[in-house]
C-alpha atoms as a PDB file:
ATOM      1  CA  MET A   1      35.103  92.124   5.913  1.00  0.00           C
ATOM      2  CA  ARG A   2      36.399  92.817   9.397  1.00  0.00           C
ATOM      3  CA  ILE A   3      35.922  91.000  12.680  1.00  0.00           C
ATOM      4  CA  PHE A   4      34.614  93.192  15.496  1.00  0.00           C
ATOM      5  CA  LEU A   5      34.922  92.238  19.157  1.00  0.00           C
ATOM      6  CA  THR A   6      31.984  92.819  21.469  1.00  0.00           C
ATOM      7  CA  THR A   7      31.138  92.917  25.144  1.00  0.00           C
ATOM      8  CA  TYR A   8      27.936  92.666  27.128  1.00  0.00           C
ATOM      9  CA  GLU A   9      27.027  93.345  30.729  1.00  0.00           C
ATOM     10  CA  GLU A  10      25.136  91.029  33.034  1.00  0.00           C
ATOM     11  CA  ASP A  11      24.496  91.700  36.727  1.00  0.00           C
ATOM     12  CA  GLY A  12      27.007  94.554  36.659  1.00  0.00           C
ATOM     13  CA  VAL A  13      29.819  92.393  35.254  1.00  0.00           C
ATOM     14  CA  GLU A  14      31.216  92.921  31.749  1.00  0.00           C
ATOM     15  CA  TYR A  15      31.860  89.811  29.631  1.00  0.00           C
ATOM     16  CA  ALA A  16      33.409  89.211  26.212  1.00  0.00           C
ATOM     17  CA  GLY A  17      30.661  88.779  23.642  1.00  0.00           C
ATOM     18  CA  PRO A  18      30.511  87.077  20.266  1.00  0.00           C
ATOM     19  CA  ASN A  19      32.489  88.371  17.314  1.00  0.00           C
ATOM     20  CA  ILE A  20      30.634  90.270  14.604  1.00  0.00           C
ATOM     21  CA  HIS A  21      31.700  90.014  10.958  1.00  0.00           C
ATOM     22  CA  ALA A  22      30.843  93.281   9.208  1.00  0.00           C
ATOM     23  CA  LEU A  23      32.096  95.635   6.516  1.00  0.00           C
ATOM     24  CA  SER A  24      32.244  98.741   8.697  1.00  0.00           C
ATOM     25  CA  TRP A  25      32.253  99.962  12.283  1.00  0.00           C
ATOM     26  CA  LYS A  26      28.810 101.486  11.725  1.00  0.00           C
ATOM     27  CA  MET A  27      27.331  98.200  10.512  1.00  0.00           C
ATOM     28  CA  ALA A  28      28.948  96.296  13.395  1.00  0.00           C
ATOM     29  CA  ARG A  29      27.603  98.828  15.904  1.00  0.00           C
ATOM     30  CA  GLN A  30      24.081  98.489  14.480  1.00  0.00           C
ATOM     31  CA  LEU A  31      24.221  94.691  14.678  1.00  0.00           C
ATOM     32  CA  ALA A  32      25.641  94.850  18.193  1.00  0.00           C
ATOM     33  CA  GLU A  33      22.953  97.232  19.415  1.00  0.00           C
ATOM     34  CA  PHE A  34      20.246  95.003  17.921  1.00  0.00           C
ATOM     35  CA  HIS A  35      21.583  92.092  20.004  1.00  0.00           C
ATOM     36  CA  GLY A  36      22.250  94.086  23.187  1.00  0.00           C
ATOM     37  CA  LEU A  37      26.033  94.144  22.711  1.00  0.00           C
ATOM     38  CA  THR A  38      28.693  96.850  22.635  1.00  0.00           C
ATOM     39  CA  VAL A  39      31.447  96.916  19.994  1.00  0.00           C
ATOM     40  CA  SER A  40      34.736  97.070  21.874  1.00  0.00           C
ATOM     41  CA  GLY A  41      37.308  96.784  19.087  1.00  0.00           C
ATOM     42  CA  ILE A  42      38.514  95.192  15.882  1.00  0.00           C
ATOM     43  CA  LEU A  43      40.468  91.951  15.654  1.00  0.00           C
ATOM     44  CA  THR A  44      43.756  92.950  14.025  1.00  0.00           C
ATOM     45  CA  ASP A  45      45.960  89.842  14.228  1.00  0.00           C
ATOM     46  CA  VAL A  46      45.594  86.097  14.453  1.00  0.00           C
ATOM     47  CA  VAL A  47      48.669  84.352  15.780  1.00  0.00           C
ATOM     48  CA  GLU A  48      48.910  80.686  14.936  1.00  0.00           C
ATOM     49  CA  GLU A  49      50.922  78.429  17.147  1.00  0.00           C
ATOM     50  CA  GLU A  50      51.701  74.777  16.663  1.00  0.00           C
ATOM     51  CA  VAL A  51      50.642  72.874  19.755  1.00  0.00           C
ATOM     52  CA  SER A  52      50.479  69.130  20.076  1.00  0.00           C
ATOM     53  CA  PHE A  53      47.758  67.414  22.045  1.00  0.00           C
ATOM     54  CA  ASP A  54      50.387  66.043  24.434  1.00  0.00           C
ATOM     55  CA  ASP A  55      51.346  69.618  25.360  1.00  0.00           C
ATOM     56  CA  ILE A  56      47.822  70.552  26.477  1.00  0.00           C
ATOM     57  CA  VAL A  57      46.286  67.288  27.690  1.00  0.00           C
ATOM     58  CA  ASP A  58      46.871  68.140  31.379  1.00  0.00           C
ATOM     59  CA  ASP A  59      45.255  71.574  30.963  1.00  0.00           C
ATOM     60  CA  LEU A  60      42.282  70.054  29.163  1.00  0.00           C
ATOM     61  CA  GLN A  61      41.844  67.400  31.817  1.00  0.00           C
ATOM     62  CA  MET A  62      41.921  70.037  34.588  1.00  0.00           C
ATOM     63  CA  ALA A  63      39.400  72.241  32.761  1.00  0.00           C
ATOM     64  CA  PHE A  64      37.135  69.244  32.178  1.00  0.00           C
ATOM     65  CA  THR A  65      37.166  68.187  35.846  1.00  0.00           C
ATOM     66  CA  LEU A  66      36.280  71.715  37.023  1.00  0.00           C
ATOM     67  CA  GLN A  67      33.065  71.771  34.978  1.00  0.00           C
ATOM     68  CA  ASP A  68      29.633  71.164  36.409  1.00  0.00           C
ATOM     69  CA  PHE A  69      27.570  68.440  34.739  1.00  0.00           C
ATOM     70  CA  PHE A  70      23.820  68.621  34.438  1.00  0.00           C
ATOM     71  CA  TYR A  71      21.436  66.015  33.143  1.00  0.00           C
ATOM     72  CA  ASP A  72      19.029  67.451  30.566  1.00  0.00           C
ATOM     73  CA  VAL A  73      15.698  65.692  31.083  1.00  0.00           C
ATOM     74  CA  ASP A  74      14.396  66.823  27.676  1.00  0.00           C
ATOM     75  CA  THR A  75      17.252  65.505  25.533  1.00  0.00           C
ATOM     76  CA  GLN A  76      18.456  62.765  27.899  1.00  0.00           C
ATOM     77  CA  TYR A  77      22.072  63.995  27.528  1.00  0.00           C
ATOM     78  CA  LYS A  78      24.579  65.295  30.020  1.00  0.00           C
ATOM     79  CA  THR A  79      25.489  68.926  29.475  1.00  0.00           C
ATOM     80  CA  ILE A  80      28.556  70.813  30.647  1.00  0.00           C
ATOM     81  CA  HIS A  81      28.253  74.280  32.183  1.00  0.00           C
END
């Protein structure tokens, strides 16, 4: 099983799409086309890195404060966008 990377286009801008797990490029392409995606490559390496929470807490806090919050009237929960 391989992991295929995808992209999609919205309003003329290309975005990274979800990964597709498939046995072959052909199968991944078929799944991608069904969902309106384009296969852009295959994930070849995963690099693990040990990071402590203390090392990234400032980055997480900054990312969290830049988010927009919306109140979902159906579920009564705040959502982050």
